[in-house]
Amino acid sequence: MSKLTRRHFLQAAGAAGAVSALSVAGPLLGGASIARAQQNLIGRVLQMERSGIKIHSYIAPDVSASVTSHVIETPNTLIVIDAQLTQTFAREFRAYVDGIGKPIDRVILTHEHPDHFLGGNVFEDVPFVTTNTVAANVQAYIDAGNVASVAALIGESEVPEAPRAPEGGLEAGDLTIDGVTLSLSVETNAEAPETLVIRVPDASVIVLGDLLYNNMHFFPGLDRANWISILQSLRDNMDGYDTLLPGHGLPTTRGELDIAIEYLTFASEAAESAASADEVISALQSRYPGFEGTGLLGFWGLFIQ
């Protein structure tokens, strides 16, 4: 992940005016109307409404690996999914959520990686929940002092003094909040040891967490062959769903699964023949020259010595 400095943030802030002024509306994402929120934000927000359910997606800038958090807005409440990496963008996201003007029912964490849970402290006044396994792994990560290594990458001021671990209790099955059904399932041993997938049938939306990156370089993951198999199964069983909400990057459609499968296949083949992580990184940059998230490529050093 790229080191975050005051200079980087000032550069990102300088672009905020252009981002906030842009508005897009039209028959995107399977016929849904989608709009970019016109707010003075450094990150981007896209909104989509279907069947009385509004989906808000907040995407941090590339300097923060385009980490994406989502909000499911029901008639009376908000369900937040994932909580950002840095304090800067976690606070901006929380301010945006508060601006919607409805109470937050809970924050759901899709997986154990710190770029999605470290911002949980800005939601200290609401429940922060996930599966038992993810909750235990986050607590173990915090207890082992591993947050210090993240601080070394992004700066001490960008991690909370007291990182918040989520509570467990979520499991596969249907969960109904304010009349809206969330269908939960769990995928294991892919980008992370465990990932919570959240389907919203009434909105034809699937929240995939870091099983899917959009126009981004992927974290190398645990078992890419299994990860590819999961994505193939998702692609082949999309009946009733046409919109995918990734863990990094913009909301997208089923076709992005094909791109993800191709990317992971190419990355695996490159890794098998490479003598060093630099060779893999060079191959990925050559193959995908327009992809954001180049800071994520540095993690290949942990997988290829």
Protein backbone atom coordinates (compact mmCIF):
# COMPACT_ATOMS: atom_id res chain seq x y z
CA MET A 1 0.00 0.00 0.00
CA SER A 2 1.35 3.45 -0.84
CA LYS A 3 2.64 5.45 2.08
CA LEU A 4 0.11 8.16 2.92
CA THR A 5 1.67 11.55 3.55
CA ARG A 6 0.33 15.06 4.11
CA ARG A 7 1.39 15.86 0.54
CA HIS A 8 -0.69 12.98 -0.82
CA PHE A 9 -3.74 14.12 1.10
CA LEU A 10 -3.35 17.72 -0.05
CA GLN A 11 -3.10 16.52 -3.63
CA ALA A 12 -6.25 14.43 -3.20
CA ALA A 13 -8.06 17.31 -1.52
CA GLY A 14 -7.14 19.57 -4.41
CA ALA A 15 -9.10 17.28 -6.72
CA ALA A 16 -12.15 17.26 -4.44
CA GLY A 17 -13.82 20.16 -6.20
CA ALA A 18 -13.80 18.36 -9.53
CA VAL A 19 -15.05 15.17 -7.93
CA SER A 20 -17.88 16.80 -6.02
CA ALA A 21 -19.09 18.81 -9.01
CA LEU A 22 -19.52 15.79 -11.25
CA SER A 23 -22.94 14.20 -11.49
CA VAL A 24 -23.83 11.12 -13.51
CA ALA A 25 -27.33 9.79 -14.06
CA GLY A 26 -28.62 7.25 -16.50
CA PRO A 27 -29.55 3.62 -17.14
CA LEU A 28 -26.38 2.16 -15.66
CA LEU A 29 -25.88 -1.09 -13.75
CA GLY A 30 -28.68 -3.19 -15.12
CA GLY A 31 -31.11 -0.35 -15.75
CA ALA A 32 -30.78 1.28 -12.33
CA SER A 33 -30.40 5.01 -12.10
CA ILE A 34 -27.07 5.90 -10.54
CA ALA A 35 -25.81 9.29 -9.43
CA ARG A 36 -22.61 10.63 -7.99
CA ALA A 37 -23.35 12.66 -4.88
CA GLN A 38 -22.60 16.34 -5.29
CA GLN A 39 -20.77 16.94 -2.03
CA ASN A 40 -17.46 18.47 -1.07
CA LEU A 41 -15.74 15.14 -0.59
CA ILE A 42 -12.25 13.87 -1.27
CA GLY A 43 -13.63 10.39 -1.83
CA ARG A 44 -16.36 9.57 -4.34
CA VAL A 45 -19.94 8.61 -3.52
CA LEU A 46 -22.28 6.88 -5.93
CA GLN A 47 -25.96 6.31 -5.21
CA MET A 48 -28.48 3.87 -6.64
CA GLU A 49 -32.12 3.34 -5.71
CA ARG A 50 -34.31 0.32 -6.35
CA SER A 51 -37.62 -0.81 -4.86
CA GLY A 52 -37.42 1.79 -2.12
CA ILE A 53 -33.88 0.74 -1.11
CA LYS A 54 -31.08 3.21 -1.66
CA ILE A 55 -27.48 2.04 -1.96
CA HIS A 56 -24.63 4.47 -1.25
CA SER A 57 -21.05 3.48 -2.14
CA TYR A 58 -18.18 5.55 -0.77
CA ILE A 59 -14.86 5.02 -2.57
CA ALA A 60 -11.69 6.43 -1.02
CA PRO A 61 -9.03 7.84 -3.37
CA ASP A 62 -6.32 5.63 -4.85
CA VAL A 63 -3.90 6.92 -2.20
CA SER A 64 -5.99 4.83 0.23
CA ALA A 65 -6.27 1.87 -2.17
CA SER A 66 -9.78 2.91 -3.28
CA VAL A 67 -11.23 1.09 -0.28
CA THR A 68 -14.99 0.99 -0.71
CA SER A 69 -17.66 1.13 1.99
CA HIS A 70 -21.37 0.79 1.34
CA VAL A 71 -24.59 1.92 2.97
CA ILE A 72 -27.93 0.16 2.53
CA GLU A 73 -30.59 2.76 3.24
CA THR A 74 -33.97 1.30 4.21
CA PRO A 75 -37.08 3.42 4.85
CA ASN A 76 -36.09 4.07 8.46
CA THR A 77 -32.49 3.07 9.05
CA LEU A 78 -28.99 2.58 7.64
CA ILE A 79 -26.84 -0.55 7.40
CA VAL A 80 -23.17 0.27 6.89
CA ILE A 81 -20.80 -2.27 5.32
CA ASP A 82 -17.05 -1.96 5.97
CA ALA A 83 -15.35 0.97 7.64
CA GLN A 84 -12.32 2.23 5.67
CA LEU A 85 -8.57 2.14 6.32
CA THR A 86 -7.44 5.62 7.33
CA GLN A 87 -8.90 7.92 9.93
CA THR A 88 -9.10 10.68 7.32
CA PHE A 89 -11.43 8.76 5.05
CA ALA A 90 -13.24 6.93 7.85
CA ARG A 91 -14.22 10.30 9.31
CA GLU A 92 -15.26 11.63 5.92
CA PHE A 93 -17.34 8.51 5.32
CA ARG A 94 -18.98 8.81 8.75
CA ALA A 95 -19.82 12.46 8.08
CA TYR A 96 -21.43 11.45 4.80
CA VAL A 97 -23.44 8.70 6.51
CA ASP A 98 -24.61 11.08 9.23
CA GLY A 99 -25.68 13.50 6.52
CA ILE A 100 -28.20 10.97 5.19
CA GLY A 101 -30.22 11.74 8.29
CA LYS A 102 -31.27 8.30 9.48
CA PRO A 103 -30.05 6.23 12.47
CA ILE A 104 -27.39 3.57 11.85
CA ASP A 105 -28.64 0.11 12.73
CA ARG A 106 -25.20 -1.54 12.59
CA VAL A 107 -21.87 -1.70 10.78
CA ILE A 108 -21.12 -5.07 9.14
CA LEU A 109 -17.53 -6.11 8.47
CA THR A 110 -17.07 -8.40 5.45
CA HIS A 111 -13.59 -9.70 6.27
CA GLU A 112 -10.63 -9.32 8.62
CA HIS A 113 -8.23 -7.09 6.71
CA PRO A 114 -7.27 -3.80 8.40
CA ASP A 115 -8.14 -1.62 5.42
CA HIS A 116 -11.77 -2.46 6.16
CA PHE A 117 -11.88 -2.55 9.96
CA LEU A 118 -9.49 0.15 11.21
CA GLY A 119 -12.12 2.85 10.61
CA GLY A 120 -14.56 1.03 12.86
CA ASN A 121 -13.71 3.33 15.76
CA VAL A 122 -15.55 6.25 14.11
CA PHE A 123 -18.74 4.18 14.50
CA GLU A 124 -18.15 3.56 18.21
CA ASP A 125 -21.74 4.49 19.05
CA VAL A 126 -23.31 1.69 16.96
CA PRO A 127 -22.91 -2.11 16.83
CA PHE A 128 -19.95 -3.39 14.77
CA VAL A 129 -20.62 -6.99 13.76
CA THR A 130 -19.34 -9.84 11.62
CA THR A 131 -18.94 -13.62 11.73
CA ASN A 132 -17.38 -15.34 14.73
CA THR A 133 -14.29 -16.29 12.73
CA VAL A 134 -13.66 -12.81 11.34
CA ALA A 135 -14.22 -11.24 14.77
CA ALA A 136 -11.74 -13.62 16.39
CA ASN A 137 -9.14 -13.02 13.68
CA VAL A 138 -9.44 -9.24 13.96
CA GLN A 139 -9.04 -9.42 17.72
CA ALA A 140 -5.98 -11.64 17.35
CA TYR A 141 -4.50 -9.19 14.83
CA ILE A 142 -4.97 -6.30 17.23
CA ASP A 143 -3.69 -8.27 20.24
CA ALA A 144 -0.54 -9.23 18.33
CA GLY A 145 0.30 -5.56 17.83
CA ASN A 146 0.05 -5.79 14.05
CA VAL A 147 -1.66 -2.42 13.73
CA ALA A 148 1.79 -0.92 14.29
CA SER A 149 2.91 -2.26 10.92
CA VAL A 150 -0.04 -0.52 9.25
CA ALA A 151 0.85 2.71 11.03
CA ALA A 152 4.35 2.42 9.61
CA LEU A 153 2.83 2.41 6.11
CA ILE A 154 0.14 5.07 6.43
CA GLY A 155 1.27 7.21 9.39
CA GLU A 156 0.56 7.12 13.11
CA SER A 157 -2.19 9.72 12.86
CA GLU A 158 -4.10 7.57 10.37
CA VAL A 159 -4.67 4.61 12.71
CA PRO A 160 -6.83 4.76 15.83
CA GLU A 161 -5.15 4.83 19.23
CA ALA A 162 -7.48 2.04 20.33
CA PRO A 163 -8.49 -0.10 17.31
CA ARG A 164 -11.98 -1.53 17.59
CA ALA A 165 -12.65 -5.21 16.99
CA PRO A 166 -16.12 -6.23 15.82
CA GLU A 167 -18.42 -8.60 17.64
CA GLY A 168 -19.23 -12.00 16.15
CA GLY A 169 -22.60 -13.62 15.75
CA LEU A 170 -23.43 -13.26 12.06
CA GLU A 171 -23.79 -16.49 10.12
CA ALA A 172 -25.13 -17.73 6.81
CA GLY A 173 -28.85 -17.24 6.39
CA ASP A 174 -31.41 -14.46 6.03
CA LEU A 175 -31.34 -11.36 8.18
CA THR A 176 -34.25 -8.89 8.02
CA ILE A 177 -33.75 -5.29 9.07
CA ASP A 178 -36.56 -2.74 8.74
CA GLY A 179 -38.37 -5.04 6.32
CA VAL A 180 -35.36 -5.48 4.03
CA THR A 181 -33.88 -8.98 3.73
CA LEU A 182 -30.14 -9.49 3.63
CA SER A 183 -29.15 -12.98 2.52
CA LEU A 184 -25.77 -13.82 4.06
CA SER A 185 -23.30 -16.46 2.90
CA VAL A 186 -19.66 -17.14 3.73
CA GLU A 187 -16.77 -17.88 1.37
CA THR A 188 -13.48 -19.17 2.72
CA ASN A 189 -9.82 -19.24 1.70
CA ALA A 190 -9.82 -16.71 -1.11
CA GLU A 191 -8.62 -13.10 -0.79
CA ALA A 192 -9.03 -13.48 2.98
CA PRO A 193 -9.54 -16.51 5.22
CA GLU A 194 -13.27 -15.77 5.40
CA THR A 195 -15.46 -13.31 3.52
CA LEU A 196 -19.08 -12.48 4.26
CA VAL A 197 -21.13 -12.09 1.07
CA ILE A 198 -24.32 -10.05 1.41
CA ARG A 199 -27.14 -10.31 -1.10
CA VAL A 200 -29.97 -7.77 -1.13
CA PRO A 201 -32.63 -9.53 -3.22
CA ASP A 202 -35.06 -6.61 -3.45
CA ALA A 203 -32.32 -4.39 -4.89
CA SER A 204 -30.70 -7.09 -7.09
CA VAL A 205 -27.37 -6.27 -5.43
CA ILE A 206 -24.56 -8.48 -4.10
CA VAL A 207 -21.92 -7.07 -1.75
CA LEU A 208 -18.74 -9.07 -2.38
CA GLY A 209 -16.17 -7.35 -0.19
CA ASP A 210 -12.64 -8.12 -1.35
CA LEU A 211 -13.67 -11.09 -3.44
CA LEU A 212 -13.93 -8.44 -6.16
CA TYR A 213 -11.80 -5.43 -7.07
CA ASN A 214 -12.91 -3.12 -9.88
CA ASN A 215 -10.24 -1.55 -12.14
CA MET A 216 -7.75 -2.26 -9.37
CA HIS A 217 -4.77 -4.50 -8.76
CA PHE A 218 -5.75 -7.33 -6.43
CA PHE A 219 -4.17 -8.29 -3.13
CA PRO A 220 -2.41 -11.65 -3.85
CA GLY A 221 -4.77 -13.60 -1.58
CA LEU A 222 -4.51 -17.00 0.05
CA ASP A 223 -5.60 -19.57 -2.53
CA ARG A 224 -6.09 -18.02 -5.96
CA ALA A 225 -7.32 -21.26 -7.52
CA ASN A 226 -10.10 -21.46 -4.95
CA TRP A 227 -10.76 -17.74 -5.30
CA ILE A 228 -11.20 -18.17 -9.06
CA SER A 229 -13.57 -21.08 -8.45
CA ILE A 230 -15.68 -18.92 -6.12
CA LEU A 231 -15.88 -16.15 -8.72
CA GLN A 232 -16.83 -18.63 -11.45
CA SER A 233 -19.63 -19.97 -9.26
CA LEU A 234 -20.87 -16.46 -8.55
CA ARG A 235 -20.78 -15.60 -12.26
CA ASP A 236 -22.77 -18.71 -13.15
CA ASN A 237 -25.40 -18.13 -10.45
CA MET A 238 -26.35 -14.47 -10.88
CA ASP A 239 -30.06 -14.98 -11.57
CA GLY A 240 -31.95 -12.07 -10.08
CA TYR A 241 -28.81 -10.00 -9.46
CA ASP A 242 -27.15 -7.54 -11.81
CA THR A 243 -25.11 -5.21 -9.60
CA LEU A 244 -21.94 -6.07 -7.71
CA LEU A 245 -20.49 -3.98 -4.88
CA PRO A 246 -16.73 -4.59 -4.59
CA GLY A 247 -14.37 -4.02 -1.69
CA HIS A 248 -12.18 -1.74 -3.81
CA GLY A 249 -13.45 0.42 -6.64
CA LEU A 250 -16.78 1.40 -8.15
CA PRO A 251 -20.00 -0.63 -8.19
CA THR A 252 -20.08 -2.78 -11.28
CA THR A 253 -21.82 -5.57 -13.20
CA ARG A 254 -21.44 -9.27 -13.85
CA GLY A 255 -18.85 -8.74 -16.57
CA GLU A 256 -16.35 -7.60 -13.95
CA LEU A 257 -16.25 -11.19 -12.67
CA ASP A 258 -14.76 -12.29 -15.99
CA ILE A 259 -12.09 -9.60 -15.69
CA ALA A 260 -11.33 -10.69 -12.11
CA ILE A 261 -11.03 -14.34 -13.12
CA GLU A 262 -8.69 -13.40 -15.97
CA TYR A 263 -6.59 -11.18 -13.67
CA LEU A 264 -6.19 -13.84 -10.98
CA THR A 265 -5.41 -16.51 -13.56
CA PHE A 266 -2.74 -14.33 -15.16
CA ALA A 267 -1.31 -13.38 -11.75
CA SER A 268 -1.07 -17.03 -10.73
CA GLU A 269 0.67 -18.01 -13.94
CA ALA A 270 3.10 -15.11 -13.58
CA ALA A 271 3.84 -16.07 -9.98
CA GLU A 272 4.54 -19.69 -10.91
CA SER A 273 7.25 -18.74 -13.40
CA ALA A 274 8.68 -15.67 -11.69
CA ALA A 275 12.03 -15.65 -9.93
CA SER A 276 11.05 -12.63 -7.84
CA ALA A 277 8.11 -10.51 -6.75
CA ASP A 278 9.38 -7.72 -9.00
CA GLU A 279 8.85 -9.93 -12.04
CA VAL A 280 5.23 -10.53 -11.07
CA ILE A 281 4.67 -6.84 -10.42
CA SER A 282 6.19 -5.88 -13.76
CA ALA A 283 4.05 -8.43 -15.59
CA LEU A 284 0.85 -7.19 -13.92
CA GLN A 285 1.65 -3.55 -14.62
CA SER A 286 2.33 -4.34 -18.27
CA ARG A 287 -0.85 -6.36 -18.65
CA TYR A 288 -3.08 -3.87 -16.76
CA PRO A 289 -1.52 -0.43 -17.31
CA GLY A 290 -4.65 1.51 -16.37
CA PHE A 291 -5.35 -0.21 -13.08
CA GLU A 292 -5.30 1.73 -9.82
CA GLY A 293 -4.04 0.31 -6.55
CA THR A 294 -0.40 -0.01 -7.59
CA GLY A 295 0.52 0.19 -3.91
CA LEU A 296 -1.15 -3.19 -3.42
CA LEU A 297 1.38 -4.77 -5.75
CA GLY A 298 4.04 -4.45 -3.07
CA PHE A 299 2.36 -7.25 -1.12
CA TRP A 300 3.69 -9.74 -3.68
CA GLY A 301 6.94 -9.45 -1.73
CA LEU A 302 5.27 -11.39 1.07
CA PHE A 303 4.32 -14.24 -1.26
CA ILE A 304 7.40 -14.59 -3.46
CA GLN A 305 10.81 -14.43 -1.80
